[in-house]
PDB file of N, CA and C in Angstrom:
ATOM      1  N   MET A   1      19.147 -30.014   5.100  1.00  0.00           N
ATOM      2  CA  MET A   1      17.769 -29.601   4.882  1.00  0.00           C
ATOM      3  C   MET A   1      17.427 -29.833   3.422  1.00  0.00           C
ATOM      4  N   SER A   2      16.353 -30.551   3.148  1.00  0.00           N
ATOM      5  CA  SER A   2      15.986 -30.838   1.767  1.00  0.00           C
ATOM      6  C   SER A   2      15.412 -29.586   1.115  1.00  0.00           C
ATOM      7  N   ASP A   3      15.486 -29.576  -0.219  1.00  0.00           N
ATOM      8  CA  ASP A   3      15.001 -28.421  -0.968  1.00  0.00           C
ATOM      9  C   ASP A   3      13.492 -28.292  -0.935  1.00  0.00           C
ATOM     10  N   LYS A   4      12.813 -29.429  -0.882  1.00  0.00           N
ATOM     11  CA  LYS A   4      11.360 -29.392  -0.964  1.00  0.00           C
ATOM     12  C   LYS A   4      10.751 -30.158   0.196  1.00  0.00           C
ATOM     13  N   LEU A   5       9.769 -29.570   0.793  1.00  0.00           N
ATOM     14  CA  LEU A   5       9.056 -30.209   1.893  1.00  0.00           C
ATOM     15  C   LEU A   5       7.949 -31.078   1.313  1.00  0.00           C
ATOM     16  N   GLN A   6       8.023 -32.376   1.547  1.00  0.00           N
ATOM     17  CA  GLN A   6       6.982 -33.291   1.087  1.00  0.00           C
ATOM     18  C   GLN A   6       5.889 -33.310   2.149  1.00  0.00           C
ATOM     19  N   ALA A   7       4.727 -32.831   1.793  1.00  0.00           N
ATOM     20  CA  ALA A   7       3.644 -32.723   2.766  1.00  0.00           C
ATOM     21  C   ALA A   7       2.396 -33.414   2.238  1.00  0.00           C
ATOM     22  N   THR A   8       1.713 -34.070   3.127  1.00  0.00           N
ATOM     23  CA  THR A   8       0.431 -34.692   2.818  1.00  0.00           C
ATOM     24  C   THR A   8      -0.657 -33.640   2.940  1.00  0.00           C
ATOM     25  N   ARG A   9      -1.551 -33.613   1.992  1.00  0.00           N
ATOM     26  CA  ARG A   9      -2.648 -32.647   2.001  1.00  0.00           C
ATOM     27  C   ARG A   9      -3.817 -33.230   2.791  1.00  0.00           C
ATOM     28  N   ILE A  10      -4.373 -32.419   3.681  1.00  0.00           N
ATOM     29  CA  ILE A  10      -5.511 -32.858   4.492  1.00  0.00           C
ATOM     30  C   ILE A  10      -6.536 -31.740   4.565  1.00  0.00           C
ATOM     31  N   SER A  11      -7.751 -32.112   4.863  1.00  0.00           N
ATOM     32  CA  SER A  11      -8.827 -31.124   5.025  1.00  0.00           C
ATOM     33  C   SER A  11      -8.940 -30.746   6.501  1.00  0.00           C
ATOM     34  N   PRO A  12      -9.580 -29.624   6.793  1.00  0.00           N
ATOM     35  CA  PRO A  12      -9.820 -29.271   8.194  1.00  0.00           C
ATOM     36  C   PRO A  12     -10.609 -30.358   8.932  1.00  0.00           C
ATOM     37  N   LEU A  13     -11.526 -31.016   8.234  1.00  0.00           N
ATOM     38  CA  LEU A  13     -12.301 -32.091   8.843  1.00  0.00           C
ATOM     39  C   LEU A  13     -11.392 -33.257   9.241  1.00  0.00           C
ATOM     40  N   ASP A  14     -10.449 -33.645   8.334  1.00  0.00           N
ATOM     41  CA  ASP A  14      -9.480 -34.700   8.662  1.00  0.00           C
ATOM     42  C   ASP A  14      -8.626 -34.283   9.854  1.00  0.00           C
ATOM     43  N   LEU A  15      -8.206 -33.038   9.850  1.00  0.00           N
ATOM     44  CA  LEU A  15      -7.376 -32.535  10.951  1.00  0.00           C
ATOM     45  C   LEU A  15      -8.121 -32.663  12.274  1.00  0.00           C
ATOM     46  N   ARG A  16      -9.361 -32.230  12.286  1.00  0.00           N
ATOM     47  CA  ARG A  16     -10.161 -32.275  13.508  1.00  0.00           C
ATOM     48  C   ARG A  16     -10.362 -33.720  13.976  1.00  0.00           C
ATOM     49  N   ALA A  17     -10.633 -34.614  13.042  1.00  0.00           N
ATOM     50  CA  ALA A  17     -10.932 -35.999  13.394  1.00  0.00           C
ATOM     51  C   ALA A  17      -9.694 -36.783  13.827  1.00  0.00           C
ATOM     52  N   ARG A  18      -8.508 -36.404  13.308  1.00  0.00           N
ATOM     53  CA  ARG A  18      -7.306 -37.212  13.527  1.00  0.00           C
ATOM     54  C   ARG A  18      -6.157 -36.410  14.135  1.00  0.00           C
ATOM     55  N   LEU A  19      -6.450 -35.353  14.852  1.00  0.00           N
ATOM     56  CA  LEU A  19      -5.411 -34.457  15.343  1.00  0.00           C
ATOM     57  C   LEU A  19      -4.319 -35.185  16.129  1.00  0.00           C
ATOM     58  N   GLY A  20      -4.687 -35.993  17.068  1.00  0.00           N
ATOM     59  CA  GLY A  20      -3.703 -36.706  17.885  1.00  0.00           C
ATOM     60  C   GLY A  20      -2.793 -37.575  17.042  1.00  0.00           C
ATOM     61  N   GLU A  21      -3.376 -38.336  16.125  1.00  0.00           N
ATOM     62  CA  GLU A  21      -2.593 -39.204  15.236  1.00  0.00           C
ATOM     63  C   GLU A  21      -1.639 -38.381  14.370  1.00  0.00           C
ATOM     64  N   LEU A  22      -2.144 -37.288  13.809  1.00  0.00           N
ATOM     65  CA  LEU A  22      -1.313 -36.460  12.933  1.00  0.00           C
ATOM     66  C   LEU A  22      -0.162 -35.819  13.703  1.00  0.00           C
ATOM     67  N   LEU A  23      -0.432 -35.352  14.919  1.00  0.00           N
ATOM     68  CA  LEU A  23       0.639 -34.769  15.729  1.00  0.00           C
ATOM     69  C   LEU A  23       1.695 -35.810  16.087  1.00  0.00           C
ATOM     70  N   ASP A  24       1.264 -37.033  16.364  1.00  0.00           N
ATOM     71  CA  ASP A  24       2.237 -38.107  16.618  1.00  0.00           C
ATOM     72  C   ASP A  24       3.090 -38.369  15.387  1.00  0.00           C
ATOM     73  N   ARG A  25       2.467 -38.361  14.209  1.00  0.00           N
ATOM     74  CA  ARG A  25       3.242 -38.574  12.979  1.00  0.00           C
ATOM     75  C   ARG A  25       4.242 -37.449  12.760  1.00  0.00           C
ATOM     76  N   VAL A  26       3.859 -36.222  13.074  1.00  0.00           N
ATOM     77  CA  VAL A  26       4.780 -35.090  12.939  1.00  0.00           C
ATOM     78  C   VAL A  26       5.943 -35.246  13.920  1.00  0.00           C
ATOM     79  N   ARG A  27       5.625 -35.573  15.150  1.00  0.00           N
ATOM     80  CA  ARG A  27       6.657 -35.677  16.189  1.00  0.00           C
ATOM     81  C   ARG A  27       7.567 -36.884  15.986  1.00  0.00           C
ATOM     82  N   LEU A  28       6.989 -38.033  15.697  1.00  0.00           N
ATOM     83  CA  LEU A  28       7.767 -39.270  15.656  1.00  0.00           C
ATOM     84  C   LEU A  28       8.375 -39.566  14.279  1.00  0.00           C
ATOM     85  N   ARG A  29       7.633 -39.288  13.222  1.00  0.00           N
ATOM     86  CA  ARG A  29       8.093 -39.644  11.880  1.00  0.00           C
ATOM     87  C   ARG A  29       8.558 -38.439  11.076  1.00  0.00           C
ATOM     88  N   ARG A  30       8.393 -37.249  11.657  1.00  0.00           N
ATOM     89  CA  ARG A  30       8.767 -36.007  10.983  1.00  0.00           C
ATOM     90  C   ARG A  30       7.942 -35.761   9.721  1.00  0.00           C
ATOM     91  N   ASP A  31       6.698 -36.269   9.712  1.00  0.00           N
ATOM     92  CA  ASP A  31       5.788 -36.014   8.599  1.00  0.00           C
ATOM     93  C   ASP A  31       5.360 -34.556   8.631  1.00  0.00           C
ATOM     94  N   ALA A  32       4.886 -34.078   7.497  1.00  0.00           N
ATOM     95  CA  ALA A  32       4.361 -32.716   7.399  1.00  0.00           C
ATOM     96  C   ALA A  32       3.013 -32.767   6.697  1.00  0.00           C
ATOM     97  N   PHE A  33       2.144 -31.834   7.068  1.00  0.00           N
ATOM     98  CA  PHE A  33       0.799 -31.791   6.504  1.00  0.00           C
ATOM     99  C   PHE A  33       0.458 -30.362   6.104  1.00  0.00           C
ATOM    100  N   VAL A  34      -0.233 -30.245   4.982  1.00  0.00           N
ATOM    101  CA  VAL A  34      -0.769 -28.956   4.555  1.00  0.00           C
ATOM    102  C   VAL A  34      -2.281 -29.067   4.625  1.00  0.00           C
ATOM    103  N   VAL A  35      -2.885 -28.164   5.361  1.00  0.00           N
ATOM    104  CA  VAL A  35      -4.341 -28.151   5.508  1.00  0.00           C
ATOM    105  C   VAL A  35      -4.915 -27.304   4.375  1.00  0.00           C
ATOM    106  N   GLU A  36      -5.830 -27.918   3.626  1.00  0.00           N
ATOM    107  CA  GLU A  36      -6.462 -27.231   2.501  1.00  0.00           C
ATOM    108  C   GLU A  36      -7.965 -27.142   2.711  1.00  0.00           C
ATOM    109  N   ARG A  37      -8.500 -25.994   2.383  1.00  0.00           N
ATOM    110  CA  ARG A  37      -9.963 -25.809   2.404  1.00  0.00           C
ATOM    111  C   ARG A  37     -10.375 -25.406   0.995  1.00  0.00           C
ATOM    112  N   ARG A  38     -11.194 -26.232   0.377  1.00  0.00           N
ATOM    113  CA  ARG A  38     -11.645 -26.002  -1.009  1.00  0.00           C
ATOM    114  C   ARG A  38     -10.466 -25.801  -1.959  1.00  0.00           C
ATOM    115  N   GLY A  39      -9.415 -26.595  -1.757  1.00  0.00           N
ATOM    116  CA  GLY A  39      -8.254 -26.537  -2.641  1.00  0.00           C
ATOM    117  C   GLY A  39      -7.291 -25.402  -2.363  1.00  0.00           C
ATOM    118  N   VAL A  40      -7.562 -24.588  -1.344  1.00  0.00           N
ATOM    119  CA  VAL A  40      -6.689 -23.465  -0.996  1.00  0.00           C
ATOM    120  C   VAL A  40      -5.902 -23.830   0.257  1.00  0.00           C
ATOM    121  N   GLU A  41      -4.574 -23.714   0.172  1.00  0.00           N
ATOM    122  CA  GLU A  41      -3.728 -24.016   1.323  1.00  0.00           C
ATOM    123  C   GLU A  41      -3.927 -22.942   2.388  1.00  0.00           C
ATOM    124  N   ILE A  42      -4.216 -23.377   3.624  1.00  0.00           N
ATOM    125  CA  ILE A  42      -4.477 -22.399   4.684  1.00  0.00           C
ATOM    126  C   ILE A  42      -3.517 -22.523   5.861  1.00  0.00           C
ATOM    127  N   ALA A  43      -2.882 -23.671   6.010  1.00  0.00           N
ATOM    128  CA  ALA A  43      -1.966 -23.843   7.144  1.00  0.00           C
ATOM    129  C   ALA A  43      -1.068 -25.040   6.876  1.00  0.00           C
ATOM    130  N   ALA A  44       0.021 -25.098   7.638  1.00  0.00           N
ATOM    131  CA  ALA A  44       0.922 -26.248   7.562  1.00  0.00           C
ATOM    132  C   ALA A  44       1.228 -26.720   8.970  1.00  0.00           C
ATOM    133  N   ILE A  45       1.374 -28.015   9.102  1.00  0.00           N
ATOM    134  CA  ILE A  45       1.796 -28.616  10.367  1.00  0.00           C
ATOM    135  C   ILE A  45       3.114 -29.308  10.066  1.00  0.00           C
ATOM    136  N   VAL A  46       4.175 -28.794  10.675  1.00  0.00           N
ATOM    137  CA  VAL A  46       5.517 -29.317  10.420  1.00  0.00           C
ATOM    138  C   VAL A  46       6.212 -29.570  11.744  1.00  0.00           C
ATOM    139  N   PRO A  47       7.238 -30.429  11.736  1.00  0.00           N
ATOM    140  CA  PRO A  47       8.011 -30.603  12.964  1.00  0.00           C
ATOM    141  C   PRO A  47       8.627 -29.271  13.393  1.00  0.00           C
ATOM    142  N   VAL A  48       8.679 -29.043  14.680  1.00  0.00           N
ATOM    143  CA  VAL A  48       9.183 -27.771  15.186  1.00  0.00           C
ATOM    144  C   VAL A  48      10.643 -27.544  14.759  1.00  0.00           C
ATOM    145  N   GLU A  49      11.400 -28.628  14.590  1.00  0.00           N
ATOM    146  CA  GLU A  49      12.782 -28.475  14.123  1.00  0.00           C
ATOM    147  C   GLU A  49      12.818 -27.853  12.730  1.00  0.00           C
ATOM    148  N   ARG A  50      11.883 -28.264  11.880  1.00  0.00           N
ATOM    149  CA  ARG A  50      11.808 -27.704  10.528  1.00  0.00           C
ATOM    150  C   ARG A  50      11.453 -26.223  10.594  1.00  0.00           C
ATOM    151  N   LEU A  51      10.539 -25.862  11.462  1.00  0.00           N
ATOM    152  CA  LEU A  51      10.181 -24.454  11.640  1.00  0.00           C
ATOM    153  C   LEU A  51      11.399 -23.651  12.060  1.00  0.00           C
ATOM    154  N   ARG A  52      12.162 -24.173  13.016  1.00  0.00           N
ATOM    155  CA  ARG A  52      13.372 -23.468  13.472  1.00  0.00           C
ATOM    156  C   ARG A  52      14.377 -23.309  12.337  1.00  0.00           C
ATOM    157  N   GLN A  53      14.524 -24.352  11.493  1.00  0.00           N
ATOM    158  CA  GLN A  53      15.426 -24.263  10.342  1.00  0.00           C
ATOM    159  C   GLN A  53      14.963 -23.162   9.387  1.00  0.00           C
ATOM    160  N   LEU A  54      13.674 -23.100   9.132  1.00  0.00           N
ATOM    161  CA  LEU A  54      13.136 -22.081   8.237  1.00  0.00           C
ATOM    162  C   LEU A  54      13.325 -20.682   8.813  1.00  0.00           C
ATOM    163  N   GLU A  55      13.125 -20.541  10.118  1.00  0.00           N
ATOM    164  CA  GLU A  55      13.341 -19.244  10.762  1.00  0.00           C
ATOM    165  C   GLU A  55      14.802 -18.824  10.668  1.00  0.00           C
ATOM    166  N   GLU A  56      15.712 -19.749  10.920  1.00  0.00           N
ATOM    167  CA  GLU A  56      17.145 -19.449  10.834  1.00  0.00           C
ATOM    168  C   GLU A  56      17.533 -19.081   9.408  1.00  0.00           C
ATOM    169  N   PHE A  57      17.014 -19.820   8.450  1.00  0.00           N
ATOM    170  CA  PHE A  57      17.294 -19.524   7.044  1.00  0.00           C
ATOM    171  C   PHE A  57      16.813 -18.113   6.694  1.00  0.00           C
ATOM    172  N   ALA A  58      15.611 -17.769   7.131  1.00  0.00           N
ATOM    173  CA  ALA A  58      15.067 -16.433   6.857  1.00  0.00           C
ATOM    174  C   ALA A  58      15.942 -15.354   7.492  1.00  0.00           C
ATOM    175  N   ARG A  59      16.409 -15.595   8.732  1.00  0.00           N
ATOM    176  CA  ARG A  59      17.301 -14.629   9.385  1.00  0.00           C
ATOM    177  C   ARG A  59      18.595 -14.456   8.596  1.00  0.00           C
ATOM    178  N   GLU A  60      19.180 -15.561   8.140  1.00  0.00           N
ATOM    179  CA  GLU A  60      20.422 -15.494   7.378  1.00  0.00           C
ATOM    180  C   GLU A  60      20.231 -14.736   6.070  1.00  0.00           C
ATOM    181  N   VAL A  61      19.115 -14.991   5.399  1.00  0.00           N
ATOM    182  CA  VAL A  61      18.838 -14.289   4.146  1.00  0.00           C
ATOM    183  C   VAL A  61      18.693 -12.790   4.395  1.00  0.00           C
ATOM    184  N   MET A  62      17.959 -12.434   5.440  1.00  0.00           N
ATOM    185  CA  MET A  62      17.786 -11.009   5.745  1.00  0.00           C
ATOM    186  C   MET A  62      19.106 -10.360   6.138  1.00  0.00           C
ATOM    187  N   ASP A  63      19.928 -11.069   6.918  1.00  0.00           N
ATOM    188  CA  ASP A  63      21.240 -10.527   7.279  1.00  0.00           C
ATOM    189  C   ASP A  63      22.072 -10.269   6.037  1.00  0.00           C
ATOM    190  N   ARG A  64      22.088 -11.229   5.101  1.00  0.00           N
ATOM    191  CA  ARG A  64      22.849 -11.045   3.857  1.00  0.00           C
ATOM    192  C   ARG A  64      22.283  -9.894   3.044  1.00  0.00           C
ATOM    193  N   HIS A  65      20.963  -9.761   3.038  1.00  0.00           N
ATOM    194  CA  HIS A  65      20.325  -8.668   2.305  1.00  0.00           C
ATOM    195  C   HIS A  65      20.772  -7.317   2.868  1.00  0.00           C
ATOM    196  N   TRP A  66      20.722  -7.169   4.195  1.00  0.00           N
ATOM    197  CA  TRP A  66      21.096  -5.894   4.810  1.00  0.00           C
ATOM    198  C   TRP A  66      22.578  -5.600   4.598  1.00  0.00           C
ATOM    199  N   GLU A  67      23.422  -6.621   4.677  1.00  0.00           N
ATOM    200  CA  GLU A  67      24.848  -6.419   4.425  1.00  0.00           C
ATOM    201  C   GLU A  67      25.087  -5.948   2.992  1.00  0.00           C
ATOM    202  N   ALA A  68      24.397  -6.562   2.048  1.00  0.00           N
ATOM    203  CA  ALA A  68      24.538  -6.164   0.640  1.00  0.00           C
ATOM    204  C   ALA A  68      24.029  -4.742   0.439  1.00  0.00           C
ATOM    205  N   GLN A  69      22.934  -4.409   1.100  1.00  0.00           N
ATOM    206  CA  GLN A  69      22.394  -3.055   0.979  1.00  0.00           C
ATOM    207  C   GLN A  69      23.377  -2.029   1.544  1.00  0.00           C
ATOM    208  N   GLU A  70      23.970  -2.344   2.697  1.00  0.00           N
ATOM    209  CA  GLU A  70      24.952  -1.429   3.287  1.00  0.00           C
ATOM    210  C   GLU A  70      26.159  -1.250   2.365  1.00  0.00           C
ATOM    211  N   ARG A  71      26.655  -2.349   1.773  1.00  0.00           N
ATOM    212  CA  ARG A  71      27.778  -2.246   0.831  1.00  0.00           C
ATOM    213  C   ARG A  71      27.403  -1.391  -0.366  1.00  0.00           C
ATOM    214  N   HIS A  72      26.189  -1.567  -0.850  1.00  0.00           N
ATOM    215  CA  HIS A  72      25.717  -0.794  -1.996  1.00  0.00           C
ATOM    216  C   HIS A  72      25.655   0.693  -1.657  1.00  0.00           C
ATOM    217  N   LEU A  73      25.115   1.018  -0.488  1.00  0.00           N
ATOM    218  CA  LEU A  73      25.020   2.428  -0.094  1.00  0.00           C
ATOM    219  C   LEU A  73      26.398   3.048   0.098  1.00  0.00           C
ATOM    220  N   LYS A  74      27.324   2.274   0.672  1.00  0.00           N
ATOM    221  CA  LYS A  74      28.684   2.783   0.831  1.00  0.00           C
ATOM    222  C   LYS A  74      29.323   3.031  -0.522  1.00  0.00           C
ATOM    223  N   ALA A  75      29.074   2.131  -1.470  1.00  0.00           N
ATOM    224  CA  ALA A  75      29.627   2.306  -2.814  1.00  0.00           C
ATOM    225  C   ALA A  75      29.049   3.549  -3.475  1.00  0.00           C
ATOM    226  N   LEU A  76      27.801   3.864  -3.180  1.00  0.00           N
ATOM    227  CA  LEU A  76      27.172   5.071  -3.723  1.00  0.00           C
ATOM    228  C   LEU A  76      27.577   6.319  -2.942  1.00  0.00           C
ATOM    229  N   ARG A  77      28.185   6.084  -1.793  1.00  0.00           N
ATOM    230  CA  ARG A  77      28.576   7.169  -0.882  1.00  0.00           C
ATOM    231  C   ARG A  77      27.362   8.004  -0.451  1.00  0.00           C
ATOM    232  N   VAL A  78      26.300   7.310  -0.096  1.00  0.00           N
ATOM    233  CA  VAL A  78      25.094   7.951   0.404  1.00  0.00           C
ATOM    234  C   VAL A  78      25.064   7.738   1.912  1.00  0.00           C
ATOM    235  N   SER A  79      24.946   8.813   2.656  1.00  0.00           N
ATOM    236  CA  SER A  79      24.944   8.698   4.108  1.00  0.00           C
ATOM    237  C   SER A  79      23.555   8.325   4.615  1.00  0.00           C
ATOM    238  N   GLU A  80      23.526   7.779   5.829  1.00  0.00           N
ATOM    239  CA  GLU A  80      22.240   7.458   6.446  1.00  0.00           C
ATOM    240  C   GLU A  80      21.399   8.713   6.612  1.00  0.00           C
ATOM    241  N   GLU A  81      22.053   9.835   6.915  1.00  0.00           N
ATOM    242  CA  GLU A  81      21.323  11.088   7.089  1.00  0.00           C
ATOM    243  C   GLU A  81      20.628  11.502   5.797  1.00  0.00           C
ATOM    244  N   GLU A  82      21.303  11.318   4.653  1.00  0.00           N
ATOM    245  CA  GLU A  82      20.692  11.655   3.370  1.00  0.00           C
ATOM    246  C   GLU A  82      19.491  10.760   3.092  1.00  0.00           C
ATOM    247  N   ILE A  83      19.627   9.496   3.403  1.00  0.00           N
ATOM    248  CA  ILE A  83      18.527   8.557   3.190  1.00  0.00           C
ATOM    249  C   ILE A  83      17.347   8.933   4.064  1.00  0.00           C
ATOM    250  N   GLU A  84      17.615   9.210   5.348  1.00  0.00           N
ATOM    251  CA  GLU A  84      16.540   9.589   6.260  1.00  0.00           C
ATOM    252  C   GLU A  84      15.859  10.878   5.794  1.00  0.00           C
ATOM    253  N   ARG A  85      16.653  11.842   5.326  1.00  0.00           N
ATOM    254  CA  ARG A  85      16.081  13.092   4.833  1.00  0.00           C
ATOM    255  C   ARG A  85      15.181  12.823   3.631  1.00  0.00           C
ATOM    256  N   ASP A  86      15.648  11.981   2.688  1.00  0.00           N
ATOM    257  CA  ASP A  86      14.850  11.662   1.506  1.00  0.00           C
ATOM    258  C   ASP A  86      13.563  10.942   1.882  1.00  0.00           C
ATOM    259  N   VAL A  87      13.645  10.036   2.837  1.00  0.00           N
ATOM    260  CA  VAL A  87      12.453   9.314   3.285  1.00  0.00           C
ATOM    261  C   VAL A  87      11.482  10.294   3.941  1.00  0.00           C
ATOM    262  N   ASP A  88      11.990  11.170   4.803  1.00  0.00           N
ATOM    263  CA  ASP A  88      11.126  12.160   5.454  1.00  0.00           C
ATOM    264  C   ASP A  88      10.437  13.055   4.429  1.00  0.00           C
ATOM    265  N   GLU A  89      11.180  13.471   3.400  1.00  0.00           N
ATOM    266  CA  GLU A  89      10.593  14.306   2.354  1.00  0.00           C
ATOM    267  C   GLU A  89       9.507  13.548   1.588  1.00  0.00           C
ATOM    268  N   ALA A  90       9.760  12.291   1.294  1.00  0.00           N
ATOM    269  CA  ALA A  90       8.774  11.493   0.574  1.00  0.00           C
ATOM    270  C   ALA A  90       7.513  11.307   1.414  1.00  0.00           C
ATOM    271  N   VAL A  91       7.677  11.041   2.698  1.00  0.00           N
ATOM    272  CA  VAL A  91       6.528  10.891   3.592  1.00  0.00           C
ATOM    273  C   VAL A  91       5.734  12.188   3.648  1.00  0.00           C
ATOM    274  N   ALA A  92       6.429  13.317   3.738  1.00  0.00           N
ATOM    275  CA  ALA A  92       5.747  14.616   3.784  1.00  0.00           C
ATOM    276  C   ALA A  92       4.952  14.855   2.502  1.00  0.00           C
ATOM    277  N   ARG A  93       5.514  14.483   1.339  1.00  0.00           N
ATOM    278  CA  ARG A  93       4.799  14.657   0.062  1.00  0.00           C
ATOM    279  C   ARG A  93       3.543  13.790   0.030  1.00  0.00           C
ATOM    280  N   VAL A  94       3.651  12.580   0.513  1.00  0.00           N
ATOM    281  CA  VAL A  94       2.494  11.671   0.512  1.00  0.00           C
ATOM    282  C   VAL A  94       1.412  12.231   1.438  1.00  0.00           C
ATOM    283  N   ARG A  95       1.817  12.674   2.610  1.00  0.00           N
ATOM    284  CA  ARG A  95       0.840  13.212   3.568  1.00  0.00           C
ATOM    285  C   ARG A  95       0.178  14.472   3.022  1.00  0.00           C
ATOM    286  N   LYS A  96       0.964  15.326   2.356  1.00  0.00           N
ATOM    287  CA  LYS A  96       0.414  16.548   1.770  1.00  0.00           C
ATOM    288  C   LYS A  96      -0.602  16.192   0.688  1.00  0.00           C
ATOM    289  N   GLY A  97      -0.292  15.171  -0.107  1.00  0.00           N
ATOM    290  CA  GLY A  97      -1.211  14.723  -1.156  1.00  0.00           C
ATOM    291  C   GLY A  97      -2.508  14.191  -0.589  1.00  0.00           C
ATOM    292  N   ARG A  98      -2.428  13.499   0.541  1.00  0.00           N
ATOM    293  CA  ARG A  98      -3.632  12.955   1.170  1.00  0.00           C
ATOM    294  C   ARG A  98      -4.520  14.079   1.711  1.00  0.00           C
ATOM    295  N   LYS A  99      -3.889  15.102   2.281  1.00  0.00           N
ATOM    296  CA  LYS A  99      -4.654  16.221   2.835  1.00  0.00           C
ATOM    297  C   LYS A  99      -5.349  17.013   1.729  1.00  0.00           C
ATOM    298  N   ALA A 100      -4.757  17.029   0.541  1.00  0.00           N
ATOM    299  CA  ALA A 100      -5.310  17.809  -0.565  1.00  0.00           C
ATOM    300  C   ALA A 100      -6.575  17.166  -1.117  1.00  0.00           C
ATOM    301  N   ARG A 101      -6.812  15.910  -0.831  1.00  0.00           N
ATOM    302  CA  ARG A 101      -7.997  15.215  -1.380  1.00  0.00           C
ATOM    303  C   ARG A 101      -9.257  15.668  -0.779  1.00  0.00           C
TER     304      ARG A 101
END
């Protein structure tokens, strides 16, 4: 998987006018397109394989994050019950503050 996705910039008007051609380029040539409206990126059209790679990468990153967090909590010797209690207390404080307004 390359580090950077090379994508052609297109407008919504180009997308509408050339949708079939652009989809063929994505499917057959593995091209990618970024749809821009007034210079603002609003969507991307990428090969579905690339999307699956990005989803898998995101899952792996999140798995590593949670594993690191669990190791950190174990090193601190903080139990899940203590964390849940602290979260519940924080939520109660926020709710109490909202009611006081």
